[in-house]
N, C-alpha and C. Protein backbone atom coordinates (compact mmCIF):
# COMPACT_ATOMS: atom_id res chain seq x y z
N MET A 1 82.99 166.34 158.96
CA MET A 1 83.94 164.82 158.27
C MET A 1 82.79 163.89 158.30
N GLN A 2 83.27 163.42 156.71
CA GLN A 2 82.05 162.98 156.35
C GLN A 2 83.44 161.81 155.25
N THR A 3 83.40 160.73 155.41
CA THR A 3 84.21 159.74 154.50
C THR A 3 83.57 158.77 154.93
N HIS A 4 83.95 157.46 154.36
CA HIS A 4 83.57 155.94 154.29
C HIS A 4 84.26 154.69 155.50
N VAL A 5 83.88 153.97 155.90
CA VAL A 5 84.58 153.15 156.81
C VAL A 5 84.16 151.28 156.81
N ALA A 6 84.43 150.71 156.79
CA ALA A 6 83.94 149.29 156.41
C ALA A 6 83.64 149.17 155.60
N GLU A 7 83.43 149.27 154.50
CA GLU A 7 82.40 149.16 153.40
C GLU A 7 81.77 147.52 152.99
N ASN A 8 83.36 147.28 152.47
CA ASN A 8 83.16 145.70 152.52
C ASN A 8 84.31 144.98 152.76
N ARG A 9 84.34 143.96 152.28
CA ARG A 9 85.82 143.01 153.53
C ARG A 9 86.83 143.62 152.71
N ASP A 10 87.17 143.41 151.59
CA ASP A 10 88.00 143.80 150.73
C ASP A 10 88.43 144.92 150.76
N GLU A 11 87.68 146.21 151.05
CA GLU A 11 88.41 146.89 151.47
C GLU A 11 89.32 147.04 153.00
N VAL A 12 88.45 146.33 153.40
CA VAL A 12 88.75 146.41 155.03
C VAL A 12 90.34 145.77 154.86
N ARG A 13 90.41 144.33 154.20
CA ARG A 13 91.85 144.04 154.04
C ARG A 13 93.28 144.92 153.91
N TRP A 14 92.31 145.71 152.47
CA TRP A 14 93.45 146.37 152.37
C TRP A 14 93.84 147.55 153.00
N ILE A 15 93.02 148.43 154.13
CA ILE A 15 93.19 148.99 154.93
C ILE A 15 94.31 148.63 156.15
N ALA A 16 94.40 147.14 155.99
CA ALA A 16 94.73 146.21 157.39
C ALA A 16 96.49 146.40 156.44
N GLU A 17 96.89 146.22 155.32
CA GLU A 17 97.72 146.08 154.86
C GLU A 17 98.50 147.67 154.75
N LEU A 18 97.69 148.48 154.27
CA LEU A 18 98.58 150.26 154.21
C LEU A 18 98.24 150.67 155.52
N PHE A 19 97.67 150.17 156.20
CA PHE A 19 98.19 150.49 157.93
C PHE A 19 98.05 149.16 159.46
N PRO A 20 99.09 148.27 159.10
CA PRO A 20 99.85 147.21 159.97
C PRO A 20 99.71 147.92 161.67
N ASP A 21 100.00 149.01 162.10
CA ASP A 21 100.15 148.94 163.39
C ASP A 21 98.83 149.42 164.03
N SER A 22 97.54 149.81 162.85
CA SER A 22 96.43 149.95 163.56
C SER A 22 95.51 148.70 163.51
N ARG A 23 94.79 148.95 165.04
CA ARG A 23 93.84 147.57 165.09
C ARG A 23 92.62 147.24 164.52
N SER A 24 92.27 148.53 163.45
CA SER A 24 91.25 148.02 162.80
C SER A 24 90.58 149.37 161.91
N TYR A 25 90.22 149.53 160.71
CA TYR A 25 89.69 150.56 159.80
C TYR A 25 89.89 151.23 160.20
N LEU A 26 88.70 151.44 160.98
CA LEU A 26 88.09 152.93 162.16
C LEU A 26 89.44 153.67 162.93
N ASP A 27 90.21 152.40 163.41
CA ASP A 27 91.60 152.94 164.55
C ASP A 27 92.40 153.20 163.57
N VAL A 28 92.58 153.76 162.25
CA VAL A 28 93.47 154.36 161.78
C VAL A 28 93.09 155.72 161.69
N TYR A 29 91.67 156.29 161.04
CA TYR A 29 91.11 157.99 161.79
C TYR A 29 91.11 158.50 163.38
N ASP A 30 90.84 157.51 164.04
CA ASP A 30 90.42 157.20 165.42
C ASP A 30 92.37 158.27 165.82
N ARG A 31 93.39 157.59 165.20
CA ARG A 31 94.29 158.09 165.72
C ARG A 31 95.15 158.93 165.32
N ARG A 32 94.52 159.11 164.21
CA ARG A 32 94.88 161.09 163.57
C ARG A 32 93.73 162.12 163.96
N GLY A 33 92.99 161.43 165.26
CA GLY A 33 92.19 162.57 165.51
C GLY A 33 90.74 162.86 164.90
N LEU A 34 90.91 162.30 163.86
CA LEU A 34 89.26 161.97 163.01
C LEU A 34 87.59 162.04 163.28
N LEU A 35 88.09 161.24 164.65
CA LEU A 35 86.93 160.81 165.37
C LEU A 35 85.82 161.81 166.33
N THR A 36 84.74 162.50 165.89
CA THR A 36 84.25 163.71 166.50
C THR A 36 82.93 163.76 166.41
N ARG A 37 81.90 164.02 167.31
CA ARG A 37 81.02 164.45 167.40
C ARG A 37 80.03 165.45 165.90
N ARG A 38 81.17 164.99 164.90
CA ARG A 38 80.80 165.90 163.91
C ARG A 38 81.43 164.95 162.78
N SER A 39 81.63 163.84 162.99
CA SER A 39 82.48 162.63 162.13
C SER A 39 81.13 162.02 161.73
N ILE A 40 81.00 161.66 160.05
CA ILE A 40 79.86 160.69 159.65
C ILE A 40 80.39 159.83 159.21
N LEU A 41 80.23 158.15 159.66
CA LEU A 41 81.13 157.52 158.52
C LEU A 41 80.39 156.73 157.88
N ALA A 42 80.23 156.07 156.29
CA ALA A 42 79.17 155.93 155.52
C ALA A 42 79.54 154.29 155.67
N HIS A 43 78.22 153.46 156.00
CA HIS A 43 78.10 152.09 155.62
C HIS A 43 78.95 151.29 156.59
N GLY A 44 80.10 151.29 157.70
CA GLY A 44 80.01 150.87 158.93
C GLY A 44 79.49 148.95 158.95
N ILE A 45 79.82 148.33 157.60
CA ILE A 45 78.97 147.50 157.96
C ILE A 45 79.55 146.04 158.23
N TRP A 46 81.23 146.35 158.84
CA TRP A 46 82.08 145.24 158.70
C TRP A 46 82.67 145.47 160.44
N LEU A 47 82.47 146.63 161.18
CA LEU A 47 82.75 147.03 162.62
C LEU A 47 82.85 146.19 163.48
N ASP A 48 83.36 146.23 164.16
CA ASP A 48 83.52 145.38 165.09
C ASP A 48 83.47 146.14 166.76
N ASP A 49 82.33 145.41 167.99
CA ASP A 49 82.36 146.06 169.02
C ASP A 49 83.20 146.83 169.61
N ALA A 50 84.61 146.79 169.89
CA ALA A 50 85.41 147.69 170.01
C ALA A 50 85.25 149.26 168.92
N ASP A 51 84.98 148.55 167.92
CA ASP A 51 84.68 150.06 167.06
C ASP A 51 84.07 150.74 167.19
N ARG A 52 82.66 149.93 167.66
CA ARG A 52 81.24 151.09 167.59
C ARG A 52 81.26 151.50 169.22
N GLN A 53 81.84 150.65 170.00
CA GLN A 53 82.57 151.44 171.45
C GLN A 53 82.69 152.66 171.28
N ARG A 54 84.28 152.97 170.44
CA ARG A 54 84.39 154.21 170.00
C ARG A 54 83.93 155.10 169.64
N MET A 55 83.18 154.73 169.00
CA MET A 55 82.07 155.90 167.78
C MET A 55 80.99 156.34 169.07
N THR A 56 80.86 155.13 169.87
CA THR A 56 80.22 156.37 170.90
C THR A 56 80.67 156.78 171.33
N GLN A 57 82.15 156.46 172.13
CA GLN A 57 82.94 157.48 173.33
C GLN A 57 83.04 158.74 172.24
N THR A 58 83.39 159.07 171.00
CA THR A 58 83.44 159.74 170.64
C THR A 58 82.13 160.84 170.00
N GLY A 59 80.87 159.70 169.98
CA GLY A 59 79.78 160.40 169.55
C GLY A 59 79.93 160.86 168.01
N SER A 60 81.33 159.85 167.02
CA SER A 60 80.55 159.93 165.53
C SER A 60 79.20 158.60 165.35
N SER A 61 79.23 159.25 163.97
CA SER A 61 77.59 158.64 163.20
C SER A 61 77.72 157.90 162.21
N ILE A 62 76.94 156.77 161.95
CA ILE A 62 77.05 156.47 160.63
C ILE A 62 76.36 156.75 159.53
N ALA A 63 76.66 156.60 158.46
CA ALA A 63 75.69 156.81 157.69
C ALA A 63 75.41 155.98 157.03
N PHE A 64 74.19 155.31 157.02
CA PHE A 64 73.56 154.23 156.48
C PHE A 64 72.79 153.68 155.14
N SER A 65 73.78 153.33 154.39
CA SER A 65 73.64 153.42 152.68
C SER A 65 73.09 151.77 152.17
N PRO A 66 71.94 151.73 152.45
CA PRO A 66 71.39 150.69 151.91
C PRO A 66 71.15 150.16 150.29
N SER A 67 71.18 151.74 149.65
CA SER A 67 70.45 151.04 147.82
C SER A 67 71.72 150.64 147.83
N SER A 68 73.02 151.54 148.29
CA SER A 68 74.43 150.75 147.94
C SER A 68 75.03 149.85 147.99
N ASN A 69 75.21 149.65 149.89
CA ASN A 69 75.10 148.55 150.24
C ASN A 69 74.90 147.14 148.69
N LEU A 70 72.93 147.13 148.52
CA LEU A 70 72.45 145.95 148.13
C LEU A 70 72.93 146.08 146.66
N PHE A 71 73.24 147.69 146.39
CA PHE A 71 73.76 147.01 144.66
C PHE A 71 74.99 147.02 144.54
N LEU A 72 75.95 147.02 145.32
CA LEU A 72 77.66 146.36 145.26
C LEU A 72 77.47 145.29 145.90
N GLY A 73 76.31 144.23 146.89
CA GLY A 73 76.66 143.14 147.31
C GLY A 73 78.25 143.33 148.80
N SER A 74 77.80 145.03 149.36
CA SER A 74 78.99 144.43 150.08
C SER A 74 78.62 144.08 151.44
N GLY A 75 77.33 144.19 151.84
CA GLY A 75 77.46 142.97 152.82
C GLY A 75 75.76 143.95 153.87
N LEU A 76 75.50 143.57 155.05
CA LEU A 76 73.88 143.75 155.44
C LEU A 76 74.12 143.93 156.73
N PHE A 77 73.81 145.70 156.65
CA PHE A 77 74.15 146.80 158.34
C PHE A 77 73.48 146.44 159.06
N ASP A 78 73.62 146.11 160.21
CA ASP A 78 73.53 145.79 161.77
C ASP A 78 72.79 146.71 162.28
N TRP A 79 71.94 147.58 161.79
CA TRP A 79 71.38 148.33 162.82
C TRP A 79 70.91 148.14 164.38
N ALA A 80 70.82 147.44 164.50
CA ALA A 80 69.99 146.92 165.68
C ALA A 80 72.00 147.26 166.62
N GLN A 81 71.92 146.84 165.80
CA GLN A 81 73.60 146.40 167.07
C GLN A 81 74.38 147.92 167.20
N ALA A 82 74.02 148.77 166.19
CA ALA A 82 74.78 149.99 166.41
C ALA A 82 73.65 150.18 167.25
N GLU A 83 72.54 150.44 167.22
CA GLU A 83 71.61 151.17 168.14
C GLU A 83 72.10 150.87 169.71
N ALA A 84 72.20 149.18 169.72
CA ALA A 84 72.30 148.47 170.49
C ALA A 84 73.44 149.39 171.43
N ALA A 85 74.68 149.49 170.92
CA ALA A 85 76.04 149.90 171.43
C ALA A 85 76.26 151.15 171.59
N GLY A 86 74.78 152.38 171.48
CA GLY A 86 74.61 154.00 171.26
C GLY A 86 75.50 154.73 170.00
N VAL A 87 75.64 154.17 169.16
CA VAL A 87 76.46 154.84 168.10
C VAL A 87 74.84 155.12 167.29
N GLY A 88 74.75 156.63 166.79
CA GLY A 88 74.16 157.50 166.30
C GLY A 88 74.17 156.52 164.71
N VAL A 89 72.62 156.94 163.93
CA VAL A 89 72.71 156.25 162.72
C VAL A 89 71.06 157.08 161.75
N ALA A 90 72.03 157.25 160.45
CA ALA A 90 71.17 157.57 160.12
C ALA A 90 71.34 157.13 158.42
N PRO A 91 69.98 157.59 158.38
CA PRO A 91 69.86 156.95 156.53
C PRO A 91 70.79 157.74 155.72
N ALA A 92 71.39 157.21 154.27
CA ALA A 92 72.23 158.35 153.13
C ALA A 92 71.83 157.13 152.56
N SER A 93 72.31 158.22 150.89
CA SER A 93 71.80 158.00 149.85
C SER A 93 72.44 157.59 149.10
N ASP A 94 73.45 157.59 149.20
CA ASP A 94 75.11 157.27 148.77
C ASP A 94 75.05 157.22 146.77
N VAL A 95 75.00 158.69 146.55
CA VAL A 95 75.03 158.91 145.10
C VAL A 95 75.82 158.68 144.57
N GLY A 96 77.32 157.77 145.18
CA GLY A 96 78.02 156.75 144.33
C GLY A 96 78.08 155.43 143.33
N GLY A 97 77.35 154.64 144.53
CA GLY A 97 77.13 153.68 144.42
C GLY A 97 74.99 153.27 144.91
N GLY A 98 74.56 154.16 145.26
CA GLY A 98 72.97 154.20 145.33
C GLY A 98 72.27 154.16 144.05
N THR A 99 71.07 153.89 143.72
CA THR A 99 70.15 153.86 142.85
C THR A 99 69.19 154.59 142.89
N SER A 100 68.60 155.91 143.56
CA SER A 100 67.90 156.81 144.28
C SER A 100 68.27 157.74 145.14
N LEU A 101 68.20 159.32 144.94
CA LEU A 101 68.62 160.47 145.74
C LEU A 101 67.59 160.96 146.33
N CYS A 102 66.62 159.70 146.41
CA CYS A 102 64.85 160.11 147.16
C CYS A 102 65.13 159.48 148.96
N GLN A 103 65.21 159.98 149.27
CA GLN A 103 64.76 159.49 150.90
C GLN A 103 64.24 158.30 151.33
N LEU A 104 62.83 158.78 150.67
CA LEU A 104 61.97 157.41 151.41
C LEU A 104 62.58 156.03 150.83
N ARG A 105 63.01 156.45 149.25
CA ARG A 105 63.42 154.90 148.21
C ARG A 105 64.26 154.52 149.06
N THR A 106 65.43 155.71 150.13
CA THR A 106 66.47 154.85 150.55
C THR A 106 65.35 154.10 152.22
N LEU A 107 64.75 154.34 152.70
CA LEU A 107 64.48 153.87 154.15
C LEU A 107 63.26 152.40 152.99
N ALA A 108 63.36 152.47 152.36
CA ALA A 108 62.45 151.26 151.79
C ALA A 108 63.09 150.17 151.92
N ASP A 109 64.64 150.78 151.30
CA ASP A 109 65.67 149.77 150.93
C ASP A 109 66.45 149.49 152.12
N GLY A 110 66.33 150.26 153.26
CA GLY A 110 67.32 149.88 154.82
C GLY A 110 66.13 149.21 155.12
N TYR A 111 64.85 149.25 154.77
CA TYR A 111 63.86 147.89 155.84
C TYR A 111 64.55 146.85 155.16
N LYS A 112 64.81 146.66 153.90
CA LYS A 112 64.97 145.06 153.20
C LYS A 112 66.11 145.07 154.11
N VAL A 113 66.94 145.96 153.99
CA VAL A 113 68.29 144.88 154.42
C VAL A 113 68.07 144.60 156.22
N LEU A 114 67.37 144.99 156.66
CA LEU A 114 67.36 144.93 157.90
C LEU A 114 66.10 144.06 158.42
N ALA A 115 65.17 143.37 157.57
CA ALA A 115 64.28 142.43 157.01
C ALA A 115 65.69 141.03 157.50
N LEU A 116 65.82 141.19 155.71
CA LEU A 116 67.02 140.23 156.01
C LEU A 116 68.09 139.54 156.93
N GLN A 117 67.95 140.48 158.13
CA GLN A 117 68.19 139.85 159.54
C GLN A 117 67.62 139.50 160.39
N GLY A 118 66.05 139.08 160.24
CA GLY A 118 65.15 139.21 161.11
C GLY A 118 64.93 140.49 161.96
N GLN A 119 65.54 141.87 161.25
CA GLN A 119 65.17 143.28 162.42
C GLN A 119 63.75 143.63 162.03
N ARG A 120 62.97 144.92 162.13
CA ARG A 120 61.86 145.32 161.70
C ARG A 120 62.10 147.30 162.05
N MET A 121 61.97 147.78 161.13
CA MET A 121 61.79 149.66 161.12
C MET A 121 60.89 149.65 161.11
N THR A 122 60.53 150.66 161.75
CA THR A 122 59.05 150.98 162.16
C THR A 122 59.35 152.76 161.39
N ALA A 123 57.81 152.69 160.92
CA ALA A 123 57.68 154.05 160.59
C ALA A 123 58.54 155.37 161.15
N TRP A 124 58.01 155.03 162.11
CA TRP A 124 58.43 156.15 163.67
C TRP A 124 60.27 155.84 163.59
N GLN A 125 60.51 155.01 163.36
CA GLN A 125 61.75 154.97 163.38
C GLN A 125 62.45 155.64 161.86
N GLY A 126 62.16 155.56 161.19
CA GLY A 126 62.73 155.79 159.69
C GLY A 126 62.86 157.16 159.15
N LEU A 127 61.29 157.61 159.86
CA LEU A 127 61.11 159.21 159.83
C LEU A 127 61.72 160.15 160.31
N TYR A 128 61.94 159.61 162.46
CA TYR A 128 62.97 159.94 162.98
C TYR A 128 64.80 160.56 162.53
N ALA A 129 64.85 159.33 161.69
CA ALA A 129 66.17 158.56 161.48
C ALA A 129 66.40 159.76 160.25
N ALA A 130 65.62 159.62 159.33
CA ALA A 130 65.62 160.80 158.29
C ALA A 130 65.64 162.42 158.34
N THR A 131 65.22 162.89 159.20
CA THR A 131 64.93 164.10 159.50
C THR A 131 65.60 164.74 161.32
N ARG A 132 65.46 164.46 162.23
CA ARG A 132 66.42 164.64 163.43
C ARG A 132 67.71 164.12 163.61
N GLY A 133 67.08 162.70 163.68
CA GLY A 133 68.42 162.45 163.70
C GLY A 133 69.38 162.24 162.63
N ALA A 134 69.07 162.50 160.96
CA ALA A 134 70.10 162.99 160.36
C ALA A 134 70.59 164.39 161.27
N ALA A 135 70.13 164.78 161.33
CA ALA A 135 70.10 167.05 161.73
C ALA A 135 71.30 166.72 162.89
N ARG A 136 70.95 165.74 164.00
CA ARG A 136 71.53 165.51 164.68
C ARG A 136 73.13 164.61 164.61
N ALA A 137 72.99 163.77 163.68
CA ALA A 137 74.08 163.47 162.62
C ALA A 137 75.47 164.89 162.41
N LEU A 138 74.31 165.61 161.91
CA LEU A 138 75.32 166.64 161.17
C LEU A 138 75.70 168.02 162.12
N ASP A 139 75.26 167.52 163.63
CA ASP A 139 75.74 168.53 164.81
C ASP A 139 74.58 169.86 164.55
N LEU A 140 73.52 169.54 163.49
CA LEU A 140 73.24 170.76 162.78
C LEU A 140 71.44 170.60 163.63
N GLU A 141 71.16 169.71 164.95
CA GLU A 141 69.70 169.86 165.03
C GLU A 141 69.20 171.25 165.93
N HIS A 142 70.44 171.93 166.17
CA HIS A 142 69.35 173.37 166.94
C HIS A 142 69.15 174.09 165.95
N GLU A 143 68.83 173.88 163.93
CA GLU A 143 68.60 174.50 163.57
C GLU A 143 67.84 173.72 162.28
N ILE A 144 68.31 173.05 162.23
CA ILE A 144 67.10 172.04 161.34
C ILE A 144 66.63 170.70 161.68
N GLY A 145 65.49 169.75 161.01
CA GLY A 145 65.44 168.33 161.03
C GLY A 145 64.32 168.37 161.91
N HIS A 146 63.61 169.25 162.60
CA HIS A 146 62.18 169.36 163.01
C HIS A 146 61.64 170.83 163.27
N PHE A 147 60.28 171.15 164.33
CA PHE A 147 59.90 172.03 163.57
C PHE A 147 59.58 173.24 164.76
N ALA A 148 60.80 173.23 165.84
CA ALA A 148 60.56 173.81 166.95
C ALA A 148 60.86 175.53 166.62
N PRO A 149 60.20 176.47 167.46
CA PRO A 149 60.55 177.43 166.88
C PRO A 149 62.26 178.24 166.43
N GLY A 150 62.39 178.97 166.09
CA GLY A 150 63.76 179.36 166.02
C GLY A 150 64.55 178.23 164.61
N THR A 151 64.28 177.58 164.51
CA THR A 151 64.95 176.50 163.50
C THR A 151 64.47 176.92 161.67
N ALA A 152 65.36 176.65 160.82
CA ALA A 152 65.00 176.71 159.72
C ALA A 152 63.99 176.50 159.35
N ALA A 153 63.41 177.17 158.20
CA ALA A 153 61.67 176.45 157.72
C ALA A 153 61.71 175.73 156.53
N ASP A 154 63.01 175.07 156.86
CA ASP A 154 62.93 174.28 155.46
C ASP A 154 62.47 172.87 155.84
N VAL A 155 61.15 172.76 154.88
CA VAL A 155 60.33 171.87 154.54
C VAL A 155 59.71 171.05 153.13
N VAL A 156 59.23 170.42 153.24
CA VAL A 156 58.81 169.24 152.10
C VAL A 156 57.52 168.93 152.72
N VAL A 157 56.46 169.40 151.95
CA VAL A 157 55.56 168.89 151.50
C VAL A 157 54.91 167.20 150.79
N TRP A 158 55.01 166.61 151.50
CA TRP A 158 54.06 165.31 150.80
C TRP A 158 52.61 165.42 151.04
N ARG A 159 52.54 164.08 149.89
CA ARG A 159 50.72 163.78 150.06
C ARG A 159 50.97 162.31 150.25
N TRP A 160 49.52 162.28 150.39
CA TRP A 160 50.01 160.75 151.47
C TRP A 160 49.76 159.45 150.06
N ALA A 161 49.44 160.06 149.50
CA ALA A 161 49.02 158.67 147.85
C ALA A 161 49.41 159.29 146.85
N ALA A 162 50.11 158.51 145.41
CA ALA A 162 49.90 159.02 144.70
C ALA A 162 49.84 158.07 143.81
N GLY A 163 48.83 158.16 142.61
CA GLY A 163 48.33 157.31 141.89
C GLY A 163 48.19 155.57 142.73
N ALA A 164 46.71 155.05 141.90
CA ALA A 164 46.14 153.78 142.62
C ALA A 164 46.47 153.09 143.46
N VAL A 165 47.66 152.58 143.37
CA VAL A 165 48.14 151.37 144.49
C VAL A 165 48.21 151.80 145.73
N GLN A 166 48.76 152.96 145.64
CA GLN A 166 49.54 153.89 147.22
C GLN A 166 47.97 154.28 147.51
N GLN A 167 46.70 154.69 146.83
CA GLN A 167 45.73 155.07 147.93
C GLN A 167 45.07 153.64 148.51
N ARG A 168 44.81 152.79 147.03
CA ARG A 168 44.65 151.81 147.87
C ARG A 168 44.60 151.06 149.57
N ARG A 169 46.73 150.96 149.48
CA ARG A 169 46.84 150.64 150.89
C ARG A 169 46.98 151.62 151.82
N GLN A 170 46.44 153.41 151.90
CA GLN A 170 46.00 153.98 152.23
C GLN A 170 44.57 153.65 152.67
N ASP A 171 44.10 153.18 152.39
CA ASP A 171 42.62 153.22 152.47
C ASP A 171 42.69 151.95 153.10
N MET A 172 43.69 151.04 152.78
CA MET A 172 43.74 149.54 154.10
C MET A 172 44.07 150.15 155.34
N ALA A 173 44.31 151.05 155.48
CA ALA A 173 45.47 151.27 156.95
C ALA A 173 44.16 151.41 157.89
N ARG A 174 45.32 151.00 159.13
CA ARG A 174 44.19 150.88 159.85
C ARG A 174 44.63 152.28 161.21
N SER A 175 45.76 152.57 161.09
CA SER A 175 46.13 153.38 162.19
C SER A 175 46.78 154.32 161.98
N LEU A 176 47.55 155.49 162.31
CA LEU A 176 48.67 156.21 161.82
C LEU A 176 49.79 155.97 160.99
N HIS A 177 50.19 155.09 162.27
CA HIS A 177 51.26 154.42 162.00
C HIS A 177 51.75 153.61 160.49
N GLU A 178 50.09 153.09 160.42
CA GLU A 178 49.72 152.15 158.98
C GLU A 178 50.38 153.14 158.11
N ARG A 179 49.65 153.93 157.57
CA ARG A 179 49.89 154.97 157.28
C ARG A 179 51.11 155.40 156.63
N LEU A 180 51.81 156.14 157.90
CA LEU A 180 53.17 156.44 157.69
C LEU A 180 54.22 155.66 156.71
N PHE A 181 53.78 154.02 157.38
CA PHE A 181 54.69 152.86 157.25
C PHE A 181 54.19 152.70 155.52
N ALA A 182 53.17 152.79 154.90
CA ALA A 182 53.27 152.69 153.51
C ALA A 182 52.96 153.70 152.89
N TRP A 183 53.19 154.96 153.44
CA TRP A 183 53.47 156.14 152.55
C TRP A 183 55.66 155.67 152.83
N MET A 184 56.51 155.82 153.42
CA MET A 184 57.30 155.55 153.55
C MET A 184 58.43 154.32 152.88
N LEU A 185 57.55 152.99 151.87
CA LEU A 185 57.78 151.88 151.54
C LEU A 185 57.08 152.31 150.03
N LEU A 186 56.15 152.68 150.29
CA LEU A 186 55.48 153.57 148.01
C LEU A 186 55.88 154.69 147.66
N ALA A 187 55.68 155.79 148.97
CA ALA A 187 56.03 157.07 148.26
C ALA A 187 57.22 157.63 147.36
N ASP A 188 56.83 158.29 146.47
CA ASP A 188 58.87 158.23 145.45
C ASP A 188 57.88 160.42 145.52
N GLU A 189 59.21 160.79 144.79
CA GLU A 189 59.39 162.11 144.20
C GLU A 189 57.98 162.94 143.59
N ARG A 190 56.65 161.89 142.90
CA ARG A 190 55.92 162.01 142.62
C ARG A 190 55.03 162.36 143.71
N ASN A 191 54.57 162.19 145.09
CA ASN A 191 54.06 162.30 146.11
C ASN A 191 54.41 164.02 146.97
N VAL A 192 55.79 163.95 146.37
CA VAL A 192 55.59 166.38 146.90
C VAL A 192 55.40 166.92 146.63
N ALA A 193 54.08 167.60 147.15
CA ALA A 193 53.19 168.29 146.94
C ALA A 193 53.72 170.51 147.28
N ALA A 194 55.13 169.88 147.96
CA ALA A 194 55.72 171.32 147.78
C ALA A 194 56.69 170.96 148.83
N THR A 195 57.32 172.44 148.30
CA THR A 195 58.93 172.27 148.72
C THR A 195 59.51 173.76 149.30
N TYR A 196 59.79 174.00 150.48
CA TYR A 196 59.83 175.76 151.11
C TYR A 196 61.41 175.66 151.38
N VAL A 197 61.46 176.85 151.06
CA VAL A 197 63.05 177.38 151.56
C VAL A 197 63.15 178.42 152.45
N LEU A 198 63.46 178.24 153.80
CA LEU A 198 63.06 179.57 154.63
C LEU A 198 61.95 180.15 154.60
N GLY A 199 60.97 179.58 154.83
CA GLY A 199 59.67 179.71 154.61
C GLY A 199 59.46 180.19 153.24
N GLN A 200 60.04 180.18 152.26
CA GLN A 200 59.30 180.47 150.85
C GLN A 200 59.15 179.14 150.51
N LEU A 201 58.12 179.64 149.76
CA LEU A 201 57.98 178.75 148.53
C LEU A 201 58.75 178.68 147.05
N ARG A 202 58.85 177.23 147.20
CA ARG A 202 60.49 177.18 146.22
C ARG A 202 59.69 176.11 144.89
N TYR A 203 59.08 175.24 145.15
CA TYR A 203 58.74 173.41 144.15
C TYR A 203 57.31 173.88 144.53
N GLN A 204 56.56 173.96 143.00
CA GLN A 204 55.11 173.05 143.37
C GLN A 204 54.79 172.80 141.97
N PRO A 205 54.52 170.80 141.93
CA PRO A 205 54.37 170.60 141.09
C PRO A 205 53.14 170.72 140.21
N GLY A 206 53.07 171.08 139.14
CA GLY A 206 52.22 171.50 138.43
C GLY A 206 51.87 173.46 138.35
């Protein structure tokens, strides 16, 4: 089950008017049995501590949509606060309000949102969130998101660099994390080398 929750303050006020007996926007879903480990709630910017605690108890996850949040001026999602409460977070492009379908562009925007709050997203955190973390949020970790035997061989192969600027940044990297960080922030669809679905090559540029 995927829907929105607490995306912007006007929306939160409107839900409070529609459901005056509910403690919060999230509580509207909770009272109707819609919070489970297969519930993915987009945005979650204006949740409070009680909401986050309830999400942790039910195993619900937040779909962090930084591109949309920035474009619409909804607010800045506090990933550290969600993580501290034990709430699962995965990046989402949000095709309605976002400006790119590319998960790397989403992660780059996510880094900026966190940086504005004095937080830092590592390349490891971003890569995990977009792969195994997202699979866990979808309750599909047994099928996708990693390379364990028995999982689906749906794989995108990426080039480290495409173009002079990206290559220069890669040449300056002093560690694997720096290389991955540069790729996460600068790469885009041009860096895709191949795409495999169930182990079969389905796309290869040129």
